[in-house]
Amino acid sequence: MASVRQATPVTAEILATLPDAVDPLALSLNENPFAPLPAVRSALIESIDAANRYPEFLPEQLRSLIAGRIGVRDEQVVLGAGATGVVLQVLHAVTAPGDRIVMSLPTFDGYPIFAQMARLISVTVPLDEHGHHDLDAMADAASEAKVVVLCRPHNPTGTMESAEEVERFVRRVPPDTVVLLDEAYIEFVAPEHRIDGPSLVRRFPNVVVLRTFSKAYGLAGLRIGYGFGSPELAKTLWTMQPPFGMSITSAVAVAASYDAEAQLRQRIRLITGERRYLQRRIRAMGIYTTDAHANFIYLPEQGRAWRQVFDAAGLCVRHYPDGGVRITIGGRTSTRAVLAAIGKSAAIAGG
């Protein structure tokens, strides 16, 4: 095989389109701002020599690895191409066309798309003015739905309902309605605010907890996600596990990430520290931000033309139809760019 230096024009062109691992202006997708950990990178390079071979027919090795880490039985874990892959497996396993799915508004962009793919009827419940869920309204709507989605922390606002509120909500949801508890950003949450997922699914067999290696672990391009639930529900979901569906590098990347846990925690501390710093600086300008617990912050519209503010600064952030904006946390260079853009707009508005 030709080296990268000897790549053909077509290969070189495709290689050139790959995103930079570190880009302080790319703040729209909630990606990890760091390149893969060195040990993970080395393991992936070594594993690529087996790319001519198929992965496991069903990903039992990866399943066992994750189950042992989170403290559940192997048969309670399901896997997918990112958490989004697990969502699709859940919807295909427990719904039929015309069934209802309840979600907040706004929510992760994928959920309305997944509902459309599964030919479901989406029932949306608006967030309150501070970006929190209306759990009572969602529980009421769930009485006639097959699935209800609760993101914690929420995307795009970063807000989080307490463990007690979540449990009260789950108790109100009918036992034959599946609760998708989306914890894509749980590693960024302070330990005292986390829910004991294994205990939750043991007490509520209709709950599926979703997690991913795309965010804190920085493996978004490898598409590795998982969910876990009661053995009975997971058995049903496992029937939707695609043969050869997880790449041969998946288990290697996860194992190497687990081995590098200390370095990973240090990166998480840097990201959450930068988030707190950015929030303080923005609030000091008199601008409201929601109480974020993930690797991003959210600015409601507040009468400001955020699209113009950040487009003018060359920053790629996520804009919403209501005028709000979600900004991924990067390094200090990213933070300075965000603050400079906001500060410039405030100066123009004040001048």
Protein backbone atom coordinates (compact mmCIF):
# COMPACT_ATOMS: atom_id res chain seq x y z
CA MET A 1 0.00 0.00 0.00
CA ALA A 2 1.32 3.43 -0.88
CA SER A 3 2.30 5.68 1.98
CA VAL A 4 0.45 8.92 2.63
CA ARG A 5 3.37 10.74 1.05
CA GLN A 6 2.94 8.64 -2.11
CA ALA A 7 -0.86 8.92 -2.20
CA THR A 8 -2.57 9.27 -5.52
CA PRO A 9 -4.26 12.61 -6.27
CA VAL A 10 -7.68 11.15 -5.44
CA THR A 11 -6.51 9.74 -2.10
CA ALA A 12 -4.64 12.92 -1.31
CA GLU A 13 -7.75 14.95 -2.05
CA ILE A 14 -9.86 12.83 0.30
CA LEU A 15 -7.19 12.93 3.01
CA ALA A 16 -7.14 16.69 2.68
CA THR A 17 -10.88 16.88 3.38
CA LEU A 18 -10.54 15.16 6.76
CA PRO A 19 -11.22 17.64 9.57
CA ASP A 20 -8.31 18.82 11.67
CA ALA A 21 -8.10 17.01 14.99
CA VAL A 22 -7.54 20.34 16.70
CA ASP A 23 -9.52 23.31 15.38
CA PRO A 24 -10.29 26.14 17.84
CA LEU A 25 -13.00 27.55 15.57
CA ALA A 26 -14.98 24.28 15.20
CA LEU A 27 -17.47 24.63 18.05
CA SER A 28 -20.72 23.28 16.62
CA LEU A 29 -20.74 19.50 17.16
CA ASN A 30 -19.73 19.09 20.83
CA GLU A 31 -16.64 17.17 19.82
CA ASN A 32 -13.71 16.64 22.14
CA PRO A 33 -11.17 19.41 21.37
CA PHE A 34 -8.20 17.07 21.84
CA ALA A 35 -6.71 14.53 19.44
CA PRO A 36 -7.00 10.89 20.56
CA LEU A 37 -4.94 9.95 23.60
CA PRO A 38 -1.47 8.68 22.55
CA ALA A 39 -2.10 5.18 23.90
CA VAL A 40 -5.41 4.98 22.07
CA ARG A 41 -3.83 6.20 18.85
CA SER A 42 -1.06 3.60 19.13
CA ALA A 43 -3.54 0.79 19.75
CA LEU A 44 -5.64 1.86 16.78
CA ILE A 45 -2.61 1.96 14.49
CA GLU A 46 -1.63 -1.53 15.59
CA SER A 47 -5.16 -2.87 15.11
CA ILE A 48 -5.49 -1.59 11.56
CA ASP A 49 -3.31 -4.43 10.27
CA ALA A 50 -6.29 -6.73 10.88
CA ALA A 51 -8.59 -4.62 8.69
CA ASN A 52 -8.74 -7.42 6.11
CA ARG A 53 -10.61 -9.55 8.66
CA TYR A 54 -14.22 -9.27 9.75
CA PRO A 55 -14.97 -8.25 13.32
CA GLU A 56 -16.95 -10.56 15.58
CA PHE A 57 -20.28 -11.69 14.10
CA LEU A 58 -21.89 -10.11 17.16
CA PRO A 59 -19.72 -7.85 19.34
CA GLU A 60 -19.55 -10.08 22.41
CA GLN A 61 -16.02 -9.03 23.40
CA LEU A 62 -16.90 -5.32 23.39
CA ARG A 63 -20.17 -6.07 25.14
CA SER A 64 -18.37 -7.88 27.95
CA LEU A 65 -15.73 -5.17 28.24
CA ILE A 66 -18.31 -2.39 28.68
CA ALA A 67 -20.56 -4.44 30.97
CA GLY A 68 -17.66 -5.14 33.33
CA ARG A 69 -16.77 -1.47 33.39
CA ILE A 70 -20.23 -0.14 34.27
CA GLY A 71 -21.21 -2.99 36.58
CA VAL A 72 -23.96 -4.87 34.76
CA ARG A 73 -24.26 -8.33 33.23
CA ASP A 74 -23.10 -8.82 29.66
CA GLU A 75 -26.62 -9.58 28.48
CA GLN A 76 -27.81 -6.15 29.65
CA VAL A 77 -25.64 -4.26 27.13
CA VAL A 78 -26.44 -3.40 23.51
CA LEU A 79 -24.08 -1.70 21.06
CA GLY A 80 -24.40 0.58 18.10
CA ALA A 81 -22.69 2.93 15.69
CA GLY A 82 -22.65 5.71 18.25
CA ALA A 83 -25.53 6.20 20.67
CA THR A 84 -27.58 7.07 17.58
CA GLY A 85 -27.20 3.51 16.35
CA VAL A 86 -28.54 2.21 19.65
CA VAL A 87 -31.53 4.58 19.44
CA LEU A 88 -32.45 3.22 16.03
CA GLN A 89 -32.22 -0.35 17.32
CA VAL A 90 -34.49 0.52 20.22
CA LEU A 91 -37.08 2.14 17.97
CA HIS A 92 -37.07 -0.77 15.55
CA ALA A 93 -37.40 -3.25 18.42
CA VAL A 94 -40.21 -1.68 20.45
CA THR A 95 -42.28 0.47 18.06
CA ALA A 96 -44.43 0.14 14.97
CA PRO A 97 -45.24 2.81 12.37
CA GLY A 98 -47.78 5.25 13.75
CA ASP A 99 -46.70 4.85 17.38
CA ARG A 100 -45.84 7.97 19.38
CA ILE A 101 -42.49 9.13 20.72
CA VAL A 102 -42.23 11.98 23.23
CA MET A 103 -39.29 14.36 23.28
CA SER A 104 -38.50 17.88 24.42
CA LEU A 105 -38.26 20.93 22.16
CA PRO A 106 -35.54 21.70 21.30
CA THR A 107 -33.61 18.47 21.63
CA PHE A 108 -30.74 16.62 20.00
CA ASP A 109 -31.18 17.01 16.25
CA GLY A 110 -31.17 13.27 15.67
CA TYR A 111 -34.34 12.40 17.56
CA PRO A 112 -36.85 13.97 15.13
CA ILE A 113 -34.94 12.30 12.29
CA PHE A 114 -34.98 8.89 13.98
CA ALA A 115 -38.71 9.25 14.62
CA GLN A 116 -39.28 9.99 10.93
CA MET A 117 -37.12 7.01 9.90
CA ALA A 118 -39.18 4.71 12.13
CA ARG A 119 -42.41 6.38 10.89
CA LEU A 120 -43.39 7.47 14.37
CA ILE A 121 -45.48 10.44 15.47
CA SER A 122 -43.33 12.93 17.38
CA VAL A 123 -44.93 14.59 20.40
CA THR A 124 -42.84 17.54 21.56
CA VAL A 125 -42.90 19.25 24.96
CA PRO A 126 -41.24 22.70 25.15
CA LEU A 127 -38.49 23.34 27.64
CA ASP A 128 -39.08 26.05 30.23
CA GLU A 129 -37.48 29.49 30.00
CA HIS A 130 -34.35 28.25 31.76
CA GLY A 131 -33.87 25.27 29.44
CA HIS A 132 -35.24 22.59 31.77
CA HIS A 133 -37.67 19.79 30.98
CA ASP A 134 -41.34 19.97 31.91
CA LEU A 135 -41.28 16.45 33.34
CA ASP A 136 -44.94 16.48 34.37
CA ALA A 137 -46.05 17.34 30.83
CA MET A 138 -43.69 14.74 29.39
CA ALA A 139 -45.03 12.07 31.74
CA ASP A 140 -48.59 12.97 30.75
CA ALA A 141 -47.70 12.71 27.06
CA ALA A 142 -45.89 9.41 27.64
CA SER A 143 -49.15 7.78 28.75
CA GLU A 144 -50.03 7.36 25.06
CA ALA A 145 -46.52 6.80 23.69
CA LYS A 146 -44.25 3.80 23.14
CA VAL A 147 -41.04 5.75 23.82
CA VAL A 148 -40.12 8.89 25.76
CA VAL A 149 -36.70 10.52 25.53
CA LEU A 150 -35.00 12.32 28.42
CA CYS A 151 -31.53 13.77 27.84
CA ARG A 152 -29.42 14.32 30.95
CA PRO A 153 -27.54 16.62 30.57
CA HIS A 154 -29.86 18.03 27.96
CA ASN A 155 -28.74 18.88 24.47
CA PRO A 156 -28.71 21.79 23.54
CA THR A 157 -29.15 23.61 26.87
CA GLY A 158 -26.78 21.54 29.01
CA THR A 159 -29.28 21.61 31.86
CA MET A 160 -29.95 18.66 34.11
CA GLU A 161 -32.86 17.53 36.22
CA SER A 162 -32.05 16.12 39.65
CA ALA A 163 -31.87 12.38 40.27
CA GLU A 164 -34.97 12.64 42.47
CA GLU A 165 -36.93 14.42 39.71
CA VAL A 166 -35.88 11.82 37.16
CA GLU A 167 -36.99 8.97 39.40
CA ARG A 168 -40.37 10.61 40.03
CA PHE A 169 -40.74 11.04 36.28
CA VAL A 170 -39.88 7.41 35.54
CA ARG A 171 -42.39 6.26 38.16
CA ARG A 172 -45.14 8.19 36.34
CA VAL A 173 -44.33 6.71 32.93
CA PRO A 174 -46.36 3.57 32.10
CA PRO A 175 -44.30 0.38 32.52
CA ASP A 176 -44.87 -0.56 28.87
CA THR A 177 -43.43 2.76 27.63
CA VAL A 178 -39.66 2.68 27.09
CA VAL A 179 -37.73 5.54 28.68
CA LEU A 180 -34.57 6.45 26.78
CA LEU A 181 -32.29 8.16 29.31
CA ASP A 182 -29.69 9.77 27.06
CA GLU A 183 -26.43 10.22 28.99
CA ALA A 184 -24.17 11.10 26.06
CA TYR A 185 -22.43 13.74 28.20
CA ILE A 186 -22.49 12.02 31.59
CA GLU A 187 -18.70 11.98 32.00
CA PHE A 188 -18.74 15.78 32.23
CA VAL A 189 -21.23 15.72 35.12
CA ALA A 190 -19.94 16.06 38.68
CA PRO A 191 -20.06 12.65 40.44
CA GLU A 192 -22.53 13.86 43.08
CA HIS A 193 -25.09 14.65 40.36
CA ARG A 194 -24.91 11.34 38.51
CA ILE A 195 -27.63 8.71 38.62
CA ASP A 196 -26.77 5.11 39.50
CA GLY A 197 -27.68 3.70 36.10
CA PRO A 198 -27.40 -0.02 36.95
CA SER A 199 -29.66 0.50 39.97
CA LEU A 200 -32.15 2.49 37.93
CA VAL A 201 -32.59 -0.18 35.25
CA ARG A 202 -32.82 -2.86 37.93
CA ARG A 203 -35.75 -1.03 39.55
CA PHE A 204 -37.35 0.20 36.31
CA PRO A 205 -37.12 -2.48 33.60
CA ASN A 206 -38.53 -0.10 30.96
CA VAL A 207 -35.48 2.22 31.13
CA VAL A 208 -32.60 2.12 28.64
CA VAL A 209 -29.55 4.23 29.50
CA LEU A 210 -27.68 5.51 26.43
CA ARG A 211 -23.99 6.42 26.41
CA THR A 212 -21.28 7.06 23.85
CA PHE A 213 -17.54 7.18 23.29
CA SER A 214 -17.93 10.17 20.97
CA LYS A 215 -17.82 12.98 23.52
CA ALA A 216 -15.61 12.69 26.60
CA TYR A 217 -13.63 9.80 25.11
CA GLY A 218 -12.97 11.71 21.90
CA LEU A 219 -13.79 8.86 19.51
CA ALA A 220 -16.62 10.47 17.50
CA GLY A 221 -15.19 9.34 14.17
CA LEU A 222 -15.17 5.68 15.23
CA ARG A 223 -18.91 5.61 16.03
CA ILE A 224 -19.06 3.55 19.23
CA GLY A 225 -22.11 3.79 21.45
CA TYR A 226 -23.93 1.56 23.89
CA GLY A 227 -27.03 1.21 25.97
CA PHE A 228 -27.96 -0.91 28.94
CA GLY A 229 -31.22 -1.96 30.52
CA SER A 230 -32.94 -4.86 32.20
CA PRO A 231 -31.97 -8.32 30.93
CA GLU A 232 -35.48 -8.81 29.50
CA LEU A 233 -35.53 -5.56 27.53
CA ALA A 234 -31.91 -5.88 26.44
CA LYS A 235 -32.63 -9.37 25.09
CA THR A 236 -35.28 -7.85 22.81
CA LEU A 237 -32.94 -5.05 21.73
CA TRP A 238 -30.08 -7.47 21.03
CA THR A 239 -32.20 -9.07 18.29
CA MET A 240 -31.62 -5.83 16.36
CA GLN A 241 -27.83 -6.05 16.68
CA PRO A 242 -26.49 -6.05 13.09
CA PRO A 243 -24.08 -8.89 12.24
CA PHE A 244 -20.51 -7.61 11.87
CA GLY A 245 -21.98 -4.25 12.91
CA MET A 246 -19.11 -2.92 15.05
CA SER A 247 -15.72 -2.30 13.45
CA ILE A 248 -12.73 -4.45 14.29
CA THR A 249 -11.10 -1.42 15.94
CA SER A 250 -13.98 -0.76 18.36
CA ALA A 251 -12.98 -3.05 21.22
CA VAL A 252 -9.34 -2.01 20.87
CA ALA A 253 -10.24 1.69 21.12
CA VAL A 254 -12.50 1.16 24.13
CA ALA A 255 -9.98 -1.04 25.97
CA ALA A 256 -7.16 1.46 25.35
CA SER A 257 -9.41 4.31 26.50
CA TYR A 258 -10.25 2.48 29.72
CA ASP A 259 -6.54 1.83 30.30
CA ALA A 260 -5.84 5.57 29.88
CA GLU A 261 -8.54 6.58 32.35
CA ALA A 262 -6.28 8.90 34.38
CA GLN A 263 -5.35 10.92 31.29
CA LEU A 264 -8.97 10.97 30.19
CA ARG A 265 -10.09 12.37 33.56
CA GLN A 266 -7.48 15.10 33.29
CA ARG A 267 -8.86 16.13 29.90
CA ILE A 268 -12.39 16.15 31.28
CA ARG A 269 -11.26 18.40 34.13
CA LEU A 270 -9.71 20.79 31.62
CA ILE A 271 -12.91 20.93 29.57
CA THR A 272 -15.24 21.42 32.53
CA GLY A 273 -12.91 24.03 33.99
CA GLU A 274 -12.91 25.91 30.70
CA ARG A 275 -16.71 25.70 30.60
CA ARG A 276 -17.00 27.28 34.03
CA TYR A 277 -14.52 30.00 33.07
CA LEU A 278 -16.40 30.83 29.86
CA GLN A 279 -19.73 30.93 31.69
CA ARG A 280 -18.35 33.29 34.33
CA ARG A 281 -16.91 35.65 31.75
CA ILE A 282 -20.10 35.73 29.68
CA ARG A 283 -22.29 36.27 32.72
CA ALA A 284 -19.99 39.08 33.81
CA MET A 285 -20.96 40.80 30.54
CA GLY A 286 -24.59 40.67 31.67
CA ILE A 287 -25.51 37.85 29.28
CA TYR A 288 -27.59 34.93 30.52
CA THR A 289 -26.43 31.36 29.93
CA THR A 290 -28.24 28.22 31.02
CA ASP A 291 -26.78 26.14 33.85
CA ALA A 292 -24.69 23.80 31.70
CA HIS A 293 -23.27 20.44 32.85
CA ALA A 294 -21.79 19.11 29.60
CA ASN A 295 -19.02 20.20 27.23
CA PHE A 296 -20.94 23.14 25.81
CA ILE A 297 -22.89 26.21 26.85
CA TYR A 298 -26.17 27.60 25.54
CA LEU A 299 -27.11 31.24 25.03
CA PRO A 300 -30.82 31.98 24.59
CA GLU A 301 -31.68 34.58 21.96
CA GLN A 302 -32.08 37.50 24.42
CA GLY A 303 -32.69 39.96 21.60
CA ARG A 304 -29.24 39.37 20.13
CA ALA A 305 -28.41 38.33 16.58
CA TRP A 306 -26.07 35.52 17.57
CA ARG A 307 -25.69 34.24 14.01
CA GLN A 308 -24.27 37.56 12.87
CA VAL A 309 -22.07 37.76 15.97
CA PHE A 310 -20.35 34.42 15.48
CA ASP A 311 -20.39 34.28 11.67
CA ALA A 312 -18.54 37.60 11.60
CA ALA A 313 -15.88 36.11 13.87
CA GLY A 314 -15.48 32.98 11.74
CA LEU A 315 -16.71 30.73 14.54
CA CYS A 316 -18.66 27.61 13.65
CA VAL A 317 -21.32 27.20 16.37
CA ARG A 318 -24.78 25.59 16.41
CA HIS A 319 -27.68 27.97 15.83
CA TYR A 320 -31.33 27.18 16.60
CA PRO A 321 -34.55 28.42 14.97
CA ASP A 322 -35.53 30.39 18.07
CA GLY A 323 -32.31 32.40 17.87
CA GLY A 324 -30.46 30.52 20.62
CA VAL A 325 -26.94 29.25 20.12
CA ARG A 326 -24.96 26.28 21.47
CA ILE A 327 -21.19 26.68 21.79
CA THR A 328 -18.88 23.70 22.25
CA ILE A 329 -16.11 24.10 24.80
CA GLY A 330 -12.64 24.07 23.29
CA GLY A 331 -9.32 25.22 24.67
CA ARG A 332 -8.40 28.70 25.85
CA THR A 333 -7.89 29.87 22.24
CA SER A 334 -11.51 28.96 21.48
CA THR A 335 -12.71 30.68 24.64
CA ARG A 336 -10.88 33.89 23.76
CA ALA A 337 -12.41 33.85 20.28
CA VAL A 338 -15.92 33.43 21.69
CA LEU A 339 -15.45 36.18 24.26
CA ALA A 340 -13.96 38.52 21.68
CA ALA A 341 -16.92 38.00 19.36
CA ILE A 342 -19.45 38.64 22.12
CA GLY A 343 -17.50 41.59 23.45
CA LYS A 344 -17.26 43.19 20.03
CA SER A 345 -21.00 42.84 19.47
CA ALA A 346 -21.72 44.32 22.90
CA ALA A 347 -19.45 47.28 22.17
CA ILE A 348 -21.17 47.93 18.85
CA ALA A 349 -24.60 47.66 20.47
CA GLY A 350 -23.55 50.04 23.24
CA GLY A 351 -21.81 52.50 20.96
